[in-house]
Amino acid sequence: PRELFSTWVAANISVLLLTMGAGL
């Protein structure tokens, strides 16, 4: 199960999250 930690970290490494935070 602990392999899933890095899986879901990698699934979210997107600069678009920065843009979404700025939009808030």
PDB file of all heavy atoms in Angstrom:
ATOM      1  N   PRO A   1       0.804  -1.228   0.000  1.00  0.00           N
ATOM      2  CA  PRO A   1       0.000   0.000   0.000  1.00  0.00           C
ATOM      3  C   PRO A   1       0.831   1.269   0.000  1.00  0.00           C
ATOM      4  O   PRO A   1       0.432   2.267  -0.608  1.00  0.00           O
ATOM      5  CB  PRO A   1      -0.834  -0.140   1.281  1.00  0.00           C
ATOM      6  CG  PRO A   1      -0.980  -1.613   1.485  1.00  0.00           C
ATOM      7  CD  PRO A   1       0.342  -2.183   1.041  1.00  0.00           C
ATOM      8  N   ARG A   2       2.004   1.267   0.655  1.00  0.00           N
ATOM      9  CA  ARG A   2       2.778   2.497   0.756  1.00  0.00           C
ATOM     10  C   ARG A   2       3.295   2.977  -0.599  1.00  0.00           C
ATOM     11  O   ARG A   2       3.654   4.147  -0.746  1.00  0.00           O
ATOM     12  CB  ARG A   2       3.938   2.319   1.743  1.00  0.00           C
ATOM     13  CG  ARG A   2       5.018   1.352   1.328  1.00  0.00           C
ATOM     14  CD  ARG A   2       6.234   1.476   2.257  1.00  0.00           C
ATOM     15  NE  ARG A   2       7.285   0.541   1.928  1.00  0.00           N
ATOM     16  CZ  ARG A   2       7.586  -0.541   2.641  1.00  0.00           C
ATOM     17  NH1 ARG A   2       6.901  -0.820   3.747  1.00  0.00           N
ATOM     18  NH2 ARG A   2       8.574  -1.337   2.276  1.00  0.00           N
ATOM     19  N   GLU A   3       3.321   2.077  -1.614  1.00  0.00           N
ATOM     20  CA  GLU A   3       3.714   2.501  -2.961  1.00  0.00           C
ATOM     21  C   GLU A   3       2.742   3.535  -3.512  1.00  0.00           C
ATOM     22  O   GLU A   3       3.096   4.332  -4.396  1.00  0.00           O
ATOM     23  CB  GLU A   3       3.769   1.292  -3.900  1.00  0.00           C
ATOM     24  CG  GLU A   3       4.842   0.265  -3.545  1.00  0.00           C
ATOM     25  CD  GLU A   3       4.776  -0.951  -4.441  1.00  0.00           C
ATOM     26  OE1 GLU A   3       3.992  -0.933  -5.428  1.00  0.00           O
ATOM     27  OE2 GLU A   3       5.494  -1.929  -4.175  1.00  0.00           O
ATOM     28  N   LEU A   4       1.502   3.528  -3.005  1.00  0.00           N
ATOM     29  CA  LEU A   4       0.482   4.448  -3.498  1.00  0.00           C
ATOM     30  C   LEU A   4       0.792   5.897  -3.130  1.00  0.00           C
ATOM     31  O   LEU A   4       0.304   6.817  -3.786  1.00  0.00           O
ATOM     32  CB  LEU A   4      -0.892   4.061  -2.951  1.00  0.00           C
ATOM     33  CG  LEU A   4      -1.421   2.692  -3.376  1.00  0.00           C
ATOM     34  CD1 LEU A   4      -2.689   2.358  -2.616  1.00  0.00           C
ATOM     35  CD2 LEU A   4      -1.670   2.664  -4.880  1.00  0.00           C
ATOM     36  N   PHE A   5       1.568   6.105  -2.082  1.00  0.00           N
ATOM     37  CA  PHE A   5       1.872   7.473  -1.655  1.00  0.00           C
ATOM     38  C   PHE A   5       2.540   8.253  -2.781  1.00  0.00           C
ATOM     39  O   PHE A   5       2.092   9.340  -3.158  1.00  0.00           O
ATOM     40  CB  PHE A   5       2.756   7.450  -0.416  1.00  0.00           C
ATOM     41  CG  PHE A   5       3.078   8.819   0.119  1.00  0.00           C
ATOM     42  CD1 PHE A   5       2.168   9.501   0.905  1.00  0.00           C
ATOM     43  CD2 PHE A   5       4.293   9.428  -0.170  1.00  0.00           C
ATOM     44  CE1 PHE A   5       2.450  10.773   1.389  1.00  0.00           C
ATOM     45  CE2 PHE A   5       4.592  10.687   0.303  1.00  0.00           C
ATOM     46  CZ  PHE A   5       3.672  11.357   1.095  1.00  0.00           C
ATOM     47  N   SER A   6       3.612   7.689  -3.355  1.00  0.00           N
ATOM     48  CA  SER A   6       4.310   8.386  -4.434  1.00  0.00           C
ATOM     49  C   SER A   6       3.458   8.425  -5.700  1.00  0.00           C
ATOM     50  O   SER A   6       3.575   9.367  -6.504  1.00  0.00           O
ATOM     51  CB  SER A   6       5.661   7.713  -4.733  1.00  0.00           C
ATOM     52  OG  SER A   6       5.489   6.356  -5.101  1.00  0.00           O
ATOM     53  N   THR A   7       2.591   7.438  -5.888  1.00  0.00           N
ATOM     54  CA  THR A   7       1.702   7.449  -7.054  1.00  0.00           C
ATOM     55  C   THR A   7       0.825   8.686  -7.042  1.00  0.00           C
ATOM     56  O   THR A   7       0.700   9.402  -8.052  1.00  0.00           O
ATOM     57  CB  THR A   7       0.815   6.199  -7.068  1.00  0.00           C
ATOM     58  OG1 THR A   7       1.626   5.035  -7.237  1.00  0.00           O
ATOM     59  CG2 THR A   7      -0.208   6.260  -8.209  1.00  0.00           C
ATOM     60  N   TRP A   8       0.215   8.983  -5.886  1.00  0.00           N
ATOM     61  CA  TRP A   8      -0.709  10.112  -5.815  1.00  0.00           C
ATOM     62  C   TRP A   8       0.010  11.446  -5.618  1.00  0.00           C
ATOM     63  O   TRP A   8      -0.562  12.494  -5.913  1.00  0.00           O
ATOM     64  CB  TRP A   8      -1.763   9.866  -4.742  1.00  0.00           C
ATOM     65  CG  TRP A   8      -2.569   8.640  -5.056  1.00  0.00           C
ATOM     66  CD1 TRP A   8      -2.713   7.526  -4.293  1.00  0.00           C
ATOM     67  CD2 TRP A   8      -3.316   8.397  -6.262  1.00  0.00           C
ATOM     68  NE1 TRP A   8      -3.493   6.599  -4.927  1.00  0.00           N
ATOM     69  CE2 TRP A   8      -3.872   7.107  -6.135  1.00  0.00           C
ATOM     70  CE3 TRP A   8      -3.557   9.129  -7.419  1.00  0.00           C
ATOM     71  CZ2 TRP A   8      -4.670   6.546  -7.135  1.00  0.00           C
ATOM     72  CZ3 TRP A   8      -4.341   8.569  -8.413  1.00  0.00           C
ATOM     73  CH2 TRP A   8      -4.887   7.297  -8.266  1.00  0.00           C
ATOM     74  N   VAL A   9       1.260  11.406  -5.169  1.00  0.00           N
ATOM     75  CA  VAL A   9       2.074  12.631  -5.223  1.00  0.00           C
ATOM     76  C   VAL A   9       2.306  13.005  -6.685  1.00  0.00           C
ATOM     77  O   VAL A   9       2.054  14.130  -7.109  1.00  0.00           O
ATOM     78  CB  VAL A   9       3.420  12.431  -4.502  1.00  0.00           C
ATOM     79  CG1 VAL A   9       4.378  13.575  -4.851  1.00  0.00           C
ATOM     80  CG2 VAL A   9       3.229  12.389  -2.995  1.00  0.00           C
ATOM     81  N   ALA A  10       2.776  12.029  -7.472  1.00  0.00           N
ATOM     82  CA  ALA A  10       3.095  12.291  -8.875  1.00  0.00           C
ATOM     83  C   ALA A  10       1.864  12.711  -9.664  1.00  0.00           C
ATOM     84  O   ALA A  10       1.970  13.511 -10.605  1.00  0.00           O
ATOM     85  CB  ALA A  10       3.718  11.039  -9.503  1.00  0.00           C
ATOM     86  N   ALA A  11       0.702  12.197  -9.294  1.00  0.00           N
ATOM     87  CA  ALA A  11      -0.524  12.516 -10.028  1.00  0.00           C
ATOM     88  C   ALA A  11      -0.941  13.966  -9.868  1.00  0.00           C
ATOM     89  O   ALA A  11      -1.867  14.427 -10.558  1.00  0.00           O
ATOM     90  CB  ALA A  11      -1.660  11.604  -9.556  1.00  0.00           C
ATOM     91  N   ASN A  12      -0.266  14.708  -8.997  1.00  0.00           N
ATOM     92  CA  ASN A  12      -0.671  16.084  -8.722  1.00  0.00           C
ATOM     93  C   ASN A  12       0.429  17.115  -8.949  1.00  0.00           C
ATOM     94  O   ASN A  12       0.235  18.292  -8.647  1.00  0.00           O
ATOM     95  CB  ASN A  12      -1.167  16.195  -7.280  1.00  0.00           C
ATOM     96  CG  ASN A  12      -2.523  15.561  -7.090  1.00  0.00           C
ATOM     97  OD1 ASN A  12      -3.561  16.152  -7.384  1.00  0.00           O
ATOM     98  ND2 ASN A  12      -2.532  14.311  -6.611  1.00  0.00           N
ATOM     99  N   ILE A  13       1.563  16.701  -9.482  1.00  0.00           N
ATOM    100  CA  ILE A  13       2.649  17.658  -9.711  1.00  0.00           C
ATOM    101  C   ILE A  13       2.342  18.446 -10.979  1.00  0.00           C
ATOM    102  O   ILE A  13       2.797  18.128 -12.078  1.00  0.00           O
ATOM    103  CB  ILE A  13       4.009  16.941  -9.810  1.00  0.00           C
ATOM    104  CG1 ILE A  13       4.280  16.145  -8.537  1.00  0.00           C
ATOM    105  CG2 ILE A  13       5.131  17.954 -10.028  1.00  0.00           C
ATOM    106  CD1 ILE A  13       5.564  15.335  -8.582  1.00  0.00           C
ATOM    107  N   SER A  14       1.520  19.465 -10.829  1.00  0.00           N
ATOM    108  CA  SER A  14       1.078  20.270 -11.963  1.00  0.00           C
ATOM    109  C   SER A  14       1.102  21.752 -11.598  1.00  0.00           C
ATOM    110  O   SER A  14       0.547  22.145 -10.561  1.00  0.00           O
ATOM    111  CB  SER A  14      -0.345  19.874 -12.372  1.00  0.00           C
ATOM    112  OG  SER A  14      -0.889  20.790 -13.300  1.00  0.00           O
ATOM    113  N   VAL A  15       1.708  22.565 -12.445  1.00  0.00           N
ATOM    114  CA  VAL A  15       1.755  24.006 -12.186  1.00  0.00           C
ATOM    115  C   VAL A  15       0.368  24.634 -12.295  1.00  0.00           C
ATOM    116  O   VAL A  15       0.158  25.767 -11.849  1.00  0.00           O
ATOM    117  CB  VAL A  15       2.707  24.717 -13.168  1.00  0.00           C
ATOM    118  CG1 VAL A  15       4.136  24.262 -12.945  1.00  0.00           C
ATOM    119  CG2 VAL A  15       2.287  24.480 -14.614  1.00  0.00           C
ATOM    120  N   LEU A  16      -0.578  23.913 -12.859  1.00  0.00           N
ATOM    121  CA  LEU A  16      -1.940  24.442 -12.948  1.00  0.00           C
ATOM    122  C   LEU A  16      -2.549  24.632 -11.564  1.00  0.00           C
ATOM    123  O   LEU A  16      -3.466  25.444 -11.390  1.00  0.00           O
ATOM    124  CB  LEU A  16      -2.817  23.513 -13.788  1.00  0.00           C
ATOM    125  CG  LEU A  16      -2.432  23.429 -15.273  1.00  0.00           C
ATOM    126  CD1 LEU A  16      -3.309  22.407 -15.990  1.00  0.00           C
ATOM    127  CD2 LEU A  16      -2.547  24.791 -15.945  1.00  0.00           C
ATOM    128  N   LEU A  17      -2.044  23.909 -10.569  1.00  0.00           N
ATOM    129  CA  LEU A  17      -2.513  24.122  -9.196  1.00  0.00           C
ATOM    130  C   LEU A  17      -2.129  25.515  -8.703  1.00  0.00           C
ATOM    131  O   LEU A  17      -2.861  26.135  -7.927  1.00  0.00           O
ATOM    132  CB  LEU A  17      -1.935  23.053  -8.263  1.00  0.00           C
ATOM    133  CG  LEU A  17      -2.558  21.657  -8.379  1.00  0.00           C
ATOM    134  CD1 LEU A  17      -1.736  20.649  -7.569  1.00  0.00           C
ATOM    135  CD2 LEU A  17      -4.010  21.661  -7.908  1.00  0.00           C
ATOM    136  N   LEU A  18      -0.959  26.011  -9.156  1.00  0.00           N
ATOM    137  CA  LEU A  18      -0.568  27.377  -8.806  1.00  0.00           C
ATOM    138  C   LEU A  18      -1.560  28.378  -9.383  1.00  0.00           C
ATOM    139  O   LEU A  18      -1.967  29.335  -8.721  1.00  0.00           O
ATOM    140  CB  LEU A  18       0.838  27.670  -9.331  1.00  0.00           C
ATOM    141  CG  LEU A  18       1.992  26.841  -8.764  1.00  0.00           C
ATOM    142  CD1 LEU A  18       3.283  27.183  -9.495  1.00  0.00           C
ATOM    143  CD2 LEU A  18       2.156  27.072  -7.275  1.00  0.00           C
ATOM    144  N   THR A  19      -1.949  28.148 -10.628  1.00  0.00           N
ATOM    145  CA  THR A  19      -2.900  29.037 -11.283  1.00  0.00           C
ATOM    146  C   THR A  19      -4.253  28.987 -10.587  1.00  0.00           C
ATOM    147  O   THR A  19      -4.923  30.013 -10.419  1.00  0.00           O
ATOM    148  CB  THR A  19      -3.051  28.635 -12.763  1.00  0.00           C
ATOM    149  OG1 THR A  19      -1.766  28.650 -13.378  1.00  0.00           O
ATOM    150  CG2 THR A  19      -3.964  29.598 -13.486  1.00  0.00           C
ATOM    151  N   MET A  20      -4.662  27.798 -10.183  1.00  0.00           N
ATOM    152  CA  MET A  20      -5.941  27.661  -9.487  1.00  0.00           C
ATOM    153  C   MET A  20      -5.893  28.371  -8.134  1.00  0.00           C
ATOM    154  O   MET A  20      -6.865  29.016  -7.716  1.00  0.00           O
ATOM    155  CB  MET A  20      -6.290  26.185  -9.315  1.00  0.00           C
ATOM    156  CG  MET A  20      -6.529  25.469 -10.640  1.00  0.00           C
ATOM    157  SD  MET A  20      -6.809  23.696 -10.462  1.00  0.00           S
ATOM    158  CE  MET A  20      -8.494  23.704  -9.885  1.00  0.00           C
ATOM    159  N   GLY A  21      -4.775  28.277  -7.437  1.00  0.00           N
ATOM    160  CA  GLY A  21      -4.618  28.993  -6.174  1.00  0.00           C
ATOM    161  C   GLY A  21      -4.679  30.494  -6.372  1.00  0.00           C
ATOM    162  O   GLY A  21      -5.295  31.220  -5.575  1.00  0.00           O
ATOM    163  N   ALA A  22      -4.057  30.958  -7.459  1.00  0.00           N
ATOM    164  CA  ALA A  22      -4.112  32.394  -7.764  1.00  0.00           C
ATOM    165  C   ALA A  22      -5.538  32.831  -8.071  1.00  0.00           C
ATOM    166  O   ALA A  22      -5.978  33.916  -7.677  1.00  0.00           O
ATOM    167  CB  ALA A  22      -3.201  32.701  -8.954  1.00  0.00           C
ATOM    168  N   GLY A  23      -6.277  31.965  -8.751  1.00  0.00           N
ATOM    169  CA  GLY A  23      -7.654  32.287  -9.074  1.00  0.00           C
ATOM    170  C   GLY A  23      -8.533  32.421  -7.845  1.00  0.00           C
ATOM    171  O   GLY A  23      -9.474  33.231  -7.828  1.00  0.00           O
ATOM    172  N   LEU A  24      -8.238  31.649  -6.796  1.00  0.00           N
ATOM    173  CA  LEU A  24      -9.012  31.753  -5.557  1.00  0.00           C
ATOM    174  C   LEU A  24      -8.872  33.138  -4.933  1.00  0.00           C
ATOM    175  O   LEU A  24      -9.808  33.647  -4.313  1.00  0.00           O
ATOM    176  CB  LEU A  24      -8.543  30.688  -4.560  1.00  0.00           C
ATOM    177  CG  LEU A  24      -8.809  29.231  -4.937  1.00  0.00           C
ATOM    178  CD1 LEU A  24      -8.181  28.290  -3.913  1.00  0.00           C
ATOM    179  CD2 LEU A  24     -10.299  28.958  -5.057  1.00  0.00           C
TER     180      LEU A  24
END
